[in-house]
Amino acid sequence: MSYTPSILHTDLYQLTMAYGYWKQGLTHHQAAFHLFYRRGPFNGNYAIAAGLDQVIRWLQAFKFEREDLDYLAQISGNNGLPLYEEAFLRFLEGMKFDCHVHAMPEGTIAFPNEPILRCIGPLIQAQLLESALLNIINFQTLIATKASRIVRAAQGDPVLEFGLRRAQGIDGAMSASRAAYIGGCVGTSNVLAGQKFGIPTKGTHAHSWVMAFDKEMEAFEAYADSMPNNCIFLVDTYDSIAGVQKAIKIGNKLKQKGHHLVGIRLDSGDLAQLSIQARKLLDDAGFEEAVIVASNALDEYRIEALKAKGSKINTWGIGTKLVTSYDQPALEESINWLQLSPLRALGKTRSNYLTMPLRSPSRVFIK
């Protein structure tokens, strides 16, 4: 399902604590929290802040609707009685968002123990924000960081996000496409992300297209006839080098009709050696501008290894290992609490961690 902002996007214990604050007369006590991470992801020393736009949309929807309150009224405690008093639910119904939020702009480099976001406001409201903000910023910051590492490894080559089919559901795919773009990817295969977020969409055809025809040459000819302005041929369905040679023949026909061969894509085999052979064939045939795209379980480590082998790949399609954050499933993110009235620390104390002030924050205005 696609994401719809809801105040119930939270953990139950946030609501039980909110109820406790209400019962104890603490609803107007002021508190602040800082959202930060402790250790750099992927054994690195930085992260790329992402997710703020979705945080803003969630905060704009910070209101208990009637259907939310009806659901909460149905929740019972261990004794079978309602968990919340009706008066508390009426309090939630009338609650207006009254927090000040400051955050790093998306795409900012954030270092360990440096706040990505700060919230100041009534204790009960700040508590209700915690789970959703961690959930939104954690994943998108992780994916943006992974994307930036891959882009660095590509050394200026375009990097495309191709991970839709391997992402964790619709919401995961959409968040990953957006975060990858923030992290430096120049396009996505995800058409819905292109529509919703204005990300350039990229793609041509898959192995299934080639296998739908009796011969590979027929498949290439049919694709060139259908999409003469978008011809990157996937050449490795049967034999990669033979596929490149067929792509060159189609490229010559495209030239005669006023079009050009954009490039080829490799998705299997020894990518370094195949790209070297493909580059020579393309150059010898006069297609020096044709790109060589590679895909298939790529990440920053494989890109660095391929470049070290002299690979001629100059565009990278990254899927599974980017959108799933394959080598680190979660960011070690945390919240540091401070109660302002009276002044005292609320969070866990760790002598080896120090949360720094928020650097160059942007004020988030919520209407």
Protein backbone atom coordinates (compact mmCIF):
# COMPACT_ATOMS: atom_id res chain seq x y z
CA MET A 1 0.00 0.00 0.00
CA SER A 2 1.15 3.57 -0.60
CA TYR A 3 1.99 5.75 2.39
CA THR A 4 -0.78 7.90 3.88
CA PRO A 5 0.31 10.08 6.82
CA SER A 6 -1.46 9.10 10.05
CA ILE A 7 -0.86 9.99 13.67
CA LEU A 8 -1.29 6.29 14.46
CA HIS A 9 2.00 5.60 12.66
CA THR A 10 3.55 5.06 16.09
CA ASP A 11 4.27 2.40 18.71
CA LEU A 12 1.65 1.62 21.31
CA TYR A 13 3.99 2.50 24.15
CA GLN A 14 4.16 6.09 22.89
CA LEU A 15 0.40 6.32 23.45
CA THR A 16 0.52 4.61 26.83
CA MET A 17 3.21 7.08 27.95
CA ALA A 18 1.14 9.96 26.56
CA TYR A 19 -1.79 8.71 28.61
CA GLY A 20 0.44 8.55 31.68
CA TYR A 21 1.62 12.14 31.15
CA TRP A 22 -2.01 13.23 30.90
CA LYS A 23 -2.94 11.34 34.07
CA GLN A 24 -0.02 12.85 35.97
CA GLY A 25 -0.66 16.42 34.83
CA LEU A 26 2.50 16.62 32.70
CA THR A 27 0.90 17.51 29.37
CA HIS A 28 2.28 21.07 29.32
CA HIS A 29 5.79 20.23 30.49
CA GLN A 30 8.25 21.27 27.80
CA ALA A 31 10.76 18.82 26.38
CA ALA A 32 13.33 18.61 23.60
CA PHE A 33 14.80 15.68 21.74
CA HIS A 34 17.61 15.28 19.25
CA LEU A 35 17.55 12.55 16.61
CA PHE A 36 21.04 11.29 15.76
CA TYR A 37 22.98 8.13 14.97
CA ARG A 38 25.86 6.66 16.93
CA ARG A 39 28.06 4.80 14.43
CA GLY A 40 28.65 5.53 10.77
CA PRO A 41 26.80 3.07 8.51
CA PHE A 42 28.67 0.63 6.25
CA ASN A 43 31.82 0.99 8.40
CA GLY A 44 32.06 4.61 7.25
CA ASN A 45 32.13 7.89 9.11
CA TYR A 46 29.24 9.88 7.63
CA ALA A 47 25.60 9.68 6.61
CA ILE A 48 23.46 11.65 4.15
CA ALA A 49 20.38 13.11 5.86
CA ALA A 50 17.15 12.19 4.08
CA GLY A 51 13.44 11.79 4.81
CA LEU A 52 12.66 15.34 5.93
CA ASP A 53 10.01 15.91 3.25
CA GLN A 54 8.02 12.89 4.44
CA VAL A 55 8.52 14.00 8.05
CA ILE A 56 6.98 17.37 7.18
CA ARG A 57 3.99 15.72 5.52
CA TRP A 58 3.53 13.51 8.57
CA LEU A 59 3.69 16.49 10.93
CA GLN A 60 1.17 18.37 8.79
CA ALA A 61 -1.22 15.45 9.37
CA PHE A 62 -0.62 15.49 13.16
CA LYS A 63 -4.23 15.24 14.26
CA PHE A 64 -6.34 12.55 15.86
CA GLU A 65 -9.24 11.90 13.52
CA ARG A 66 -12.52 10.42 14.71
CA GLU A 67 -11.67 7.00 13.25
CA ASP A 68 -8.33 7.07 15.12
CA LEU A 69 -10.05 7.75 18.42
CA ASP A 70 -12.70 5.09 17.76
CA TYR A 71 -9.89 2.56 17.24
CA LEU A 72 -8.05 3.62 20.41
CA ALA A 73 -11.30 3.29 22.39
CA GLN A 74 -11.42 -0.40 21.39
CA ILE A 75 -8.00 -1.23 22.84
CA SER A 76 -8.24 -2.95 26.20
CA GLY A 77 -5.84 -3.52 29.07
CA ASN A 78 -4.96 -6.83 30.70
CA ASN A 79 -8.15 -6.66 32.73
CA GLY A 80 -10.30 -6.45 29.62
CA LEU A 81 -11.33 -2.86 30.32
CA PRO A 82 -10.59 0.08 27.99
CA LEU A 83 -6.94 1.09 28.11
CA TYR A 84 -7.73 4.81 27.84
CA GLU A 85 -10.32 6.96 29.57
CA GLU A 86 -12.84 8.73 27.38
CA ALA A 87 -11.63 12.06 28.76
CA PHE A 88 -8.11 11.33 27.49
CA LEU A 89 -9.45 10.56 24.03
CA ARG A 90 -11.33 13.89 24.07
CA PHE A 91 -8.05 15.58 25.05
CA LEU A 92 -6.31 13.97 22.06
CA GLU A 93 -9.14 15.07 19.76
CA GLY A 94 -8.62 18.71 20.70
CA MET A 95 -4.82 18.64 20.70
CA LYS A 96 -3.11 21.04 18.27
CA PHE A 97 0.46 20.60 17.07
CA ASP A 98 2.64 22.96 19.10
CA CYS A 99 6.25 21.87 18.57
CA HIS A 100 9.20 23.68 17.01
CA VAL A 101 11.19 21.45 14.67
CA HIS A 102 14.64 22.17 13.25
CA ALA A 103 16.41 19.78 10.90
CA MET A 104 19.32 19.37 8.54
CA PRO A 105 18.28 19.92 4.92
CA GLU A 106 18.07 16.70 2.96
CA GLY A 107 21.36 15.83 1.29
CA THR A 108 23.44 17.28 4.15
CA ILE A 109 26.37 15.22 5.42
CA ALA A 110 25.73 14.23 9.04
CA PHE A 111 28.39 12.82 11.34
CA PRO A 112 27.98 10.38 14.28
CA ASN A 113 26.36 11.87 17.40
CA GLU A 114 25.43 15.01 15.44
CA PRO A 115 21.70 15.81 15.56
CA ILE A 116 19.87 15.43 12.25
CA LEU A 117 16.66 16.80 13.74
CA ARG A 118 15.62 18.63 16.91
CA CYS A 119 12.09 18.95 18.29
CA ILE A 120 11.05 21.26 21.15
CA GLY A 121 7.51 21.34 22.51
CA PRO A 122 5.04 19.81 24.96
CA LEU A 123 6.36 16.53 26.36
CA ILE A 124 3.27 14.59 25.34
CA GLN A 125 3.49 15.73 21.70
CA ALA A 126 7.23 15.21 21.42
CA GLN A 127 6.73 11.67 22.72
CA LEU A 128 4.12 10.97 20.05
CA LEU A 129 6.54 12.09 17.30
CA GLU A 130 9.42 9.81 18.24
CA SER A 131 8.60 6.52 16.52
CA ALA A 132 7.45 7.96 13.20
CA LEU A 133 10.43 10.30 12.88
CA LEU A 134 12.90 7.52 13.61
CA ASN A 135 11.14 5.23 11.15
CA ILE A 136 11.07 7.77 8.32
CA ILE A 137 14.56 9.24 8.71
CA ASN A 138 16.34 5.99 9.57
CA PHE A 139 15.61 4.13 6.33
CA GLN A 140 15.89 7.04 3.93
CA THR A 141 19.14 8.29 5.48
CA LEU A 142 20.55 4.78 5.20
CA ILE A 143 19.63 4.47 1.50
CA ALA A 144 20.86 7.99 0.66
CA THR A 145 24.16 7.15 2.34
CA LYS A 146 24.50 3.87 0.44
CA ALA A 147 23.76 5.70 -2.80
CA SER A 148 26.42 8.33 -2.09
CA ARG A 149 29.02 5.61 -1.46
CA ILE A 150 28.15 3.94 -4.77
CA VAL A 151 28.26 7.27 -6.61
CA ARG A 152 31.70 7.99 -5.14
CA ALA A 153 32.94 4.59 -6.29
CA ALA A 154 31.63 5.29 -9.80
CA GLN A 155 34.02 8.28 -10.05
CA GLY A 156 31.74 10.50 -12.09
CA ASP A 157 29.95 7.81 -14.10
CA PRO A 158 26.14 8.06 -13.98
CA VAL A 159 24.52 5.76 -11.41
CA LEU A 160 20.91 4.63 -11.92
CA GLU A 161 18.66 3.12 -9.26
CA PHE A 162 17.09 -0.09 -10.63
CA GLY A 163 15.77 -1.62 -7.41
CA LEU A 164 11.95 -1.52 -7.61
CA ARG A 165 11.38 -5.26 -8.00
CA ARG A 166 13.68 -6.12 -5.06
CA ALA A 167 12.56 -3.40 -2.63
CA GLN A 168 10.53 -4.15 0.51
CA GLY A 169 7.04 -3.35 -0.72
CA ILE A 170 5.58 -0.28 -2.41
CA ASP A 171 6.48 2.12 0.41
CA GLY A 172 10.02 0.74 0.58
CA ALA A 173 10.48 1.12 -3.17
CA MET A 174 9.20 4.70 -3.22
CA SER A 175 11.27 5.78 -0.23
CA ALA A 176 14.36 4.06 -1.63
CA SER A 177 14.02 5.67 -5.07
CA ARG A 178 13.69 9.12 -3.53
CA ALA A 179 16.53 8.61 -1.05
CA ALA A 180 18.82 7.20 -3.75
CA TYR A 181 18.24 10.33 -5.83
CA ILE A 182 19.14 12.49 -2.83
CA GLY A 183 22.29 10.38 -2.45
CA GLY A 184 23.43 11.10 -6.00
CA CYS A 185 21.75 8.65 -8.37
CA VAL A 186 20.76 10.42 -11.59
CA GLY A 187 17.67 8.36 -12.41
CA THR A 188 15.38 5.50 -11.45
CA SER A 189 13.51 2.67 -13.14
CA ASN A 190 10.56 3.35 -10.78
CA VAL A 191 7.94 5.15 -12.88
CA LEU A 192 5.74 6.06 -9.92
CA ALA A 193 8.72 7.64 -8.15
CA GLY A 194 9.40 9.57 -11.34
CA GLN A 195 5.85 10.89 -11.35
CA LYS A 196 5.63 11.70 -7.64
CA PHE A 197 9.13 13.07 -7.03
CA GLY A 198 10.26 14.38 -10.42
CA ILE A 199 13.12 11.88 -10.71
CA PRO A 200 14.25 11.14 -14.29
CA THR A 201 13.14 7.63 -15.32
CA LYS A 202 15.45 5.30 -17.24
CA GLY A 203 15.14 1.88 -18.84
CA THR A 204 14.85 -0.01 -22.12
CA HIS A 205 14.12 -3.75 -22.20
CA ALA A 206 14.72 -6.96 -20.25
CA HIS A 207 15.69 -10.53 -21.16
CA SER A 208 11.98 -11.37 -21.48
CA TRP A 209 11.78 -9.08 -24.54
CA VAL A 210 14.59 -10.96 -26.28
CA MET A 211 13.12 -14.33 -25.38
CA ALA A 212 9.72 -13.32 -26.74
CA PHE A 213 11.19 -13.56 -30.27
CA ASP A 214 12.61 -16.55 -32.12
CA LYS A 215 15.98 -14.89 -32.63
CA GLU A 216 17.95 -12.23 -30.76
CA MET A 217 18.39 -10.17 -33.93
CA GLU A 218 14.62 -10.15 -34.44
CA ALA A 219 14.18 -8.86 -30.89
CA PHE A 220 16.69 -6.04 -31.43
CA GLU A 221 15.16 -5.11 -34.79
CA ALA A 222 11.69 -5.03 -33.29
CA TYR A 223 12.81 -2.88 -30.39
CA ALA A 224 14.62 -0.45 -32.70
CA ASP A 225 11.49 -0.24 -34.83
CA SER A 226 9.33 0.42 -31.78
CA MET A 227 11.66 2.73 -29.83
CA PRO A 228 14.29 4.13 -32.20
CA ASN A 229 15.01 7.01 -29.80
CA ASN A 230 15.70 4.76 -26.79
CA CYS A 231 18.00 2.00 -27.99
CA ILE A 232 20.17 0.47 -25.30
CA PHE A 233 20.26 -3.25 -26.05
CA LEU A 234 20.60 -5.90 -23.36
CA VAL A 235 23.15 -8.14 -25.08
CA ASP A 236 23.77 -11.04 -22.68
CA THR A 237 20.64 -13.17 -23.05
CA TYR A 238 22.60 -15.80 -24.99
CA ASP A 239 26.15 -14.72 -25.88
CA SER A 240 27.27 -11.25 -24.84
CA ILE A 241 29.83 -10.59 -27.59
CA ALA A 242 27.51 -11.92 -30.29
CA GLY A 243 24.85 -9.68 -28.80
CA VAL A 244 27.14 -6.64 -29.09
CA GLN A 245 27.80 -7.48 -32.73
CA LYS A 246 24.05 -7.65 -33.41
CA ALA A 247 23.55 -4.33 -31.58
CA ILE A 248 26.18 -2.77 -33.87
CA LYS A 249 24.32 -3.99 -36.97
CA ILE A 250 21.11 -2.44 -35.63
CA GLY A 251 23.06 0.70 -34.77
CA ASN A 252 24.12 1.09 -38.42
CA LYS A 253 20.49 0.77 -39.52
CA LEU A 254 19.48 3.38 -36.93
CA LYS A 255 22.09 5.78 -38.34
CA GLN A 256 20.59 5.46 -41.81
CA LYS A 257 17.20 6.51 -40.38
CA GLY A 258 18.57 9.50 -38.49
CA HIS A 259 18.71 7.84 -35.06
CA HIS A 260 21.62 6.54 -33.02
CA LEU A 261 22.62 3.60 -30.88
CA VAL A 262 22.58 4.86 -27.29
CA GLY A 263 24.46 1.85 -25.95
CA ILE A 264 24.42 -1.71 -24.66
CA ARG A 265 23.82 -3.29 -21.26
CA LEU A 266 25.68 -6.20 -19.65
CA ASP A 267 23.93 -8.11 -16.87
CA SER A 268 26.04 -11.25 -16.39
CA GLY A 269 29.43 -12.84 -16.90
CA ASP A 270 32.86 -11.28 -16.45
CA LEU A 271 31.71 -7.68 -16.64
CA ALA A 272 35.20 -6.20 -16.77
CA GLN A 273 36.45 -8.38 -19.64
CA LEU A 274 33.18 -8.24 -21.55
CA SER A 275 33.06 -4.45 -21.29
CA ILE A 276 36.62 -4.18 -22.66
CA GLN A 277 35.74 -6.39 -25.61
CA ALA A 278 32.47 -4.57 -26.18
CA ARG A 279 34.16 -1.16 -26.09
CA LYS A 280 36.64 -2.20 -28.78
CA LEU A 281 33.88 -3.57 -31.01
CA LEU A 282 31.78 -0.43 -30.59
CA ASP A 283 34.69 1.93 -31.17
CA ASP A 284 35.92 0.03 -34.24
CA ALA A 285 32.40 0.27 -35.67
CA GLY A 286 32.28 4.04 -35.14
CA PHE A 287 30.09 4.00 -32.01
CA GLU A 288 32.55 5.73 -29.68
CA GLU A 289 29.69 7.60 -27.96
CA ALA A 290 27.68 4.46 -27.19
CA VAL A 291 27.51 3.82 -23.45
CA ILE A 292 28.15 0.51 -21.73
CA VAL A 293 25.70 -0.02 -18.89
CA ALA A 294 26.26 -2.73 -16.28
CA SER A 295 23.85 -4.22 -13.76
CA ASN A 296 23.61 -7.44 -11.68
CA ALA A 297 24.24 -7.33 -7.90
CA LEU A 298 26.47 -4.27 -8.02
CA ASP A 299 27.54 -2.10 -5.10
CA GLU A 300 30.45 0.23 -4.31
CA TYR A 301 32.83 -2.67 -3.68
CA ARG A 302 32.16 -4.40 -7.02
CA ILE A 303 32.36 -1.09 -8.87
CA GLU A 304 35.77 -0.36 -7.33
CA ALA A 305 36.95 -3.87 -8.21
CA LEU A 306 35.71 -3.57 -11.81
CA LYS A 307 37.41 -0.22 -12.26
CA ALA A 308 40.63 -1.68 -10.87
CA LYS A 309 40.44 -4.32 -13.63
CA GLY A 310 40.22 -1.67 -16.34
CA SER A 311 36.51 -2.04 -16.97
CA LYS A 312 35.04 0.12 -19.74
CA ILE A 313 31.62 0.34 -18.09
CA ASN A 314 30.52 3.97 -17.89
CA THR A 315 26.96 3.75 -16.54
CA TRP A 316 25.92 1.69 -13.53
CA GLY A 317 22.48 0.23 -12.77
CA ILE A 318 22.20 -0.60 -9.07
CA GLY A 319 19.31 -2.59 -7.63
CA THR A 320 19.11 -4.99 -4.72
CA LYS A 321 22.19 -3.95 -2.80
CA LEU A 322 21.12 -0.32 -2.85
CA VAL A 323 17.38 -0.31 -2.17
CA THR A 324 17.53 -3.02 0.51
CA SER A 325 20.69 -1.62 2.13
CA TYR A 326 21.92 -5.17 1.67
CA ASP A 327 24.98 -5.05 3.93
CA GLN A 328 23.43 -3.03 6.79
CA PRO A 329 19.66 -3.30 7.31
CA ALA A 330 19.30 -0.46 9.84
CA LEU A 331 20.93 2.77 10.93
CA GLU A 332 21.90 2.80 14.61
CA GLU A 333 19.75 5.82 15.25
CA SER A 334 18.63 7.14 18.60
CA ILE A 335 16.78 9.91 20.42
CA ASN A 336 18.36 12.01 23.17
CA TRP A 337 15.70 13.52 25.47
CA LEU A 338 15.84 16.62 27.65
CA GLN A 339 12.96 17.92 29.77
CA LEU A 340 12.99 21.72 29.92
CA SER A 341 10.51 22.27 32.74
CA PRO A 342 12.09 21.46 35.10
CA LEU A 343 15.47 21.08 33.35
CA ARG A 344 16.74 17.50 33.47
CA ALA A 345 17.92 14.73 31.18
CA LEU A 346 15.33 12.09 30.28
CA GLY A 347 17.35 9.81 28.01
CA LYS A 348 19.78 7.01 28.72
CA THR A 349 23.23 8.22 29.74
CA ARG A 350 26.31 6.79 28.06
CA SER A 351 29.68 8.13 29.04
CA ASN A 352 31.21 7.36 25.64
CA TYR A 353 28.57 9.22 23.60
CA LEU A 354 28.21 12.97 23.29
CA THR A 355 25.45 14.56 21.24
CA MET A 356 26.66 17.72 19.50
CA PRO A 357 24.62 20.86 18.75
CA LEU A 358 22.55 20.88 15.56
CA ARG A 359 24.72 22.33 12.79
CA SER A 360 23.18 24.81 10.31
CA PRO A 361 19.58 23.72 10.93
CA SER A 362 16.59 24.66 8.79
CA ARG A 363 13.42 25.63 10.63
CA VAL A 364 10.52 23.39 9.68
CA PHE A 365 7.25 25.34 9.55
CA ILE A 366 4.10 23.30 9.98
CA LYS A 367 0.81 24.91 9.04
